[in-house]
Protein backbone atom coordinates (compact mmCIF):
# COMPACT_ATOMS: atom_id res chain seq x y z
CA UNK A 1 29.90 11.19 -8.44
CA UNK A 2 28.56 9.86 -11.74
CA UNK A 3 30.70 8.00 -14.18
CA UNK A 4 31.40 10.10 -17.23
CA UNK A 5 31.49 8.99 -20.83
CA UNK A 6 34.31 6.79 -22.04
CA UNK A 7 37.01 8.44 -24.15
CA UNK A 8 37.82 5.12 -25.85
CA UNK A 9 38.28 5.50 -29.59
CA UNK A 10 38.51 9.29 -29.51
CA UNK A 11 41.24 11.10 -31.41
CA UNK A 12 44.34 11.41 -29.22
CA UNK A 13 45.32 15.05 -29.69
CA UNK A 14 48.87 14.43 -28.41
CA UNK A 15 49.71 11.34 -30.47
CA UNK A 16 50.51 10.91 -34.15
CA UNK A 17 47.92 12.36 -36.52
CA UNK A 18 44.78 10.22 -36.59
CA UNK A 19 45.78 7.92 -33.70
CA UNK A 20 42.89 6.87 -31.52
CA UNK A 21 42.84 6.54 -27.73
CA UNK A 22 42.76 2.93 -26.40
CA UNK A 23 41.08 1.60 -29.57
CA UNK A 24 41.26 1.90 -33.33
CA UNK A 25 37.46 1.97 -33.51
CA UNK A 26 35.81 5.38 -33.85
CA UNK A 27 33.25 6.33 -31.18
CA UNK A 28 30.91 7.69 -33.85
CA UNK A 29 27.31 6.63 -33.27
CA UNK A 30 27.68 5.95 -29.55
CA UNK A 31 24.84 7.37 -27.41
CA UNK A 32 25.45 9.53 -24.36
CA UNK A 33 23.19 11.33 -21.93
CA UNK A 34 23.61 14.91 -20.72
CA UNK A 35 24.16 14.95 -16.94
CA UNK A 36 23.82 18.73 -16.53
CA UNK A 37 26.68 18.69 -14.02
CA UNK A 38 30.48 18.45 -13.83
CA UNK A 39 32.87 20.68 -15.71
CA UNK A 40 33.57 24.34 -15.21
CA UNK A 41 30.77 26.89 -15.00
CA UNK A 42 31.38 28.23 -18.50
CA UNK A 43 31.33 24.65 -19.88
CA UNK A 44 27.93 24.10 -18.26
CA UNK A 45 26.58 27.44 -19.51
CA UNK A 46 27.65 26.57 -23.08
CA UNK A 47 26.05 23.09 -22.90
CA UNK A 48 22.85 24.40 -21.28
CA UNK A 49 22.27 26.55 -24.38
CA UNK A 50 21.84 23.33 -26.37
CA UNK A 51 20.71 20.58 -23.98
CA UNK A 52 18.36 19.77 -21.14
CA UNK A 53 19.19 17.28 -18.40
CA UNK A 54 18.89 13.66 -19.64
CA UNK A 55 18.96 14.61 -23.34
CA UNK A 56 20.39 11.73 -25.35
CA UNK A 57 22.92 12.60 -28.04
CA UNK A 58 24.88 10.76 -30.73
CA UNK A 59 28.67 11.06 -30.66
CA UNK A 60 30.31 12.25 -33.88
CA UNK A 61 33.86 12.50 -32.49
CA UNK A 62 35.80 12.73 -29.24
CA UNK A 63 38.97 14.81 -28.95
CA UNK A 64 41.12 13.44 -26.13
CA UNK A 65 43.44 15.96 -24.49
CA UNK A 66 45.85 15.73 -21.58
CA UNK A 67 43.80 17.51 -18.94
CA UNK A 68 40.38 17.70 -20.61
CA UNK A 69 38.58 16.22 -23.58
CA UNK A 70 35.84 17.45 -25.87
CA UNK A 71 32.98 15.72 -27.68
CA UNK A 72 31.19 16.72 -30.88
CA UNK A 73 27.68 15.44 -31.58
CA UNK A 74 25.94 14.47 -34.81
CA UNK A 75 23.01 16.67 -33.77
CA UNK A 76 25.26 19.74 -33.22
CA UNK A 77 28.13 19.71 -35.76
CA UNK A 78 31.08 22.03 -35.17
CA UNK A 79 30.17 22.51 -31.49
CA UNK A 80 32.38 20.92 -28.84
CA UNK A 81 31.49 20.14 -25.24
CA UNK A 82 33.49 18.95 -22.23
CA UNK A 83 33.13 15.16 -21.97
CA UNK A 84 32.76 15.16 -18.16
CA UNK A 85 29.19 16.46 -18.55
CA UNK A 86 28.01 13.28 -20.33
CA UNK A 87 27.66 9.57 -19.53
CA UNK A 88 27.46 6.57 -21.86
CA UNK A 89 24.02 5.00 -22.29
CA UNK A 90 23.42 1.24 -22.31
CA UNK A 91 20.28 -0.84 -22.32
CA UNK A 92 19.37 -4.50 -22.57
CA UNK A 93 17.20 -5.85 -25.37
CA UNK A 94 14.21 -5.73 -23.03
CA UNK A 95 13.41 -2.04 -22.45
CA UNK A 96 11.08 -2.94 -19.57
CA UNK A 97 14.16 -3.73 -17.48
CA UNK A 98 15.89 -0.45 -18.32
CA UNK A 99 16.13 1.66 -15.18
CA UNK A 100 18.74 4.40 -15.64
CA UNK A 101 20.97 5.00 -12.65
CA UNK A 102 23.04 8.04 -13.49
CA UNK A 103 25.78 6.90 -11.11
CA UNK A 104 26.21 3.55 -12.86
CA UNK A 105 26.14 4.26 -16.59
CA UNK A 106 29.14 2.79 -18.38
CA UNK A 107 30.73 2.18 -21.76
CA UNK A 108 29.15 -0.27 -24.22
CA UNK A 109 30.82 -3.61 -24.83
CA UNK A 110 30.56 -5.91 -27.84
CA UNK A 111 27.07 -7.28 -28.26
CA UNK A 112 25.30 -4.77 -26.00
CA UNK A 113 22.58 -2.65 -27.57
CA UNK A 114 22.31 1.09 -27.27
CA UNK A 115 18.84 2.59 -26.87
CA UNK A 116 17.48 5.10 -29.32
CA UNK A 117 16.91 8.62 -27.97
CA UNK A 118 13.15 8.06 -28.29
CA UNK A 119 13.28 4.88 -26.16
CA UNK A 120 15.28 6.58 -23.43
CA UNK A 121 13.12 9.72 -23.35
CA UNK A 122 9.97 7.59 -23.16
CA UNK A 123 11.42 5.55 -20.31
CA UNK A 124 12.64 8.62 -18.39
CA UNK A 125 9.24 10.32 -18.79
CA UNK A 126 7.43 7.22 -17.51
CA UNK A 127 9.65 7.01 -14.41
CA UNK A 128 9.65 10.67 -13.31
């Protein structure tokens, strides 16, 4: 099973107003990729109206719940999607070494660069 996107920094919906989950830093601007799997059937149907597999999106906000969490994207304001259908995207400075393995995507750490959607799409198209 693929790793799903990190919830770190999302708004904790069961804590005090405005408290963030595991970090005080907002997740806004983080890049994720659409896995086109996981979640309930109606979650997938909703997401498939907006995304294709491997689409790269920019996080606006994450809403962390007890049994499920939702993500809102800059590209699709006021629409929320189940976080289990997305994975964090990381790349090194050298894009020639970037080989996405959907089972090993993980959360960015300080100093790591995030690829632009154009860089990732170009790479995925060249390797398919």
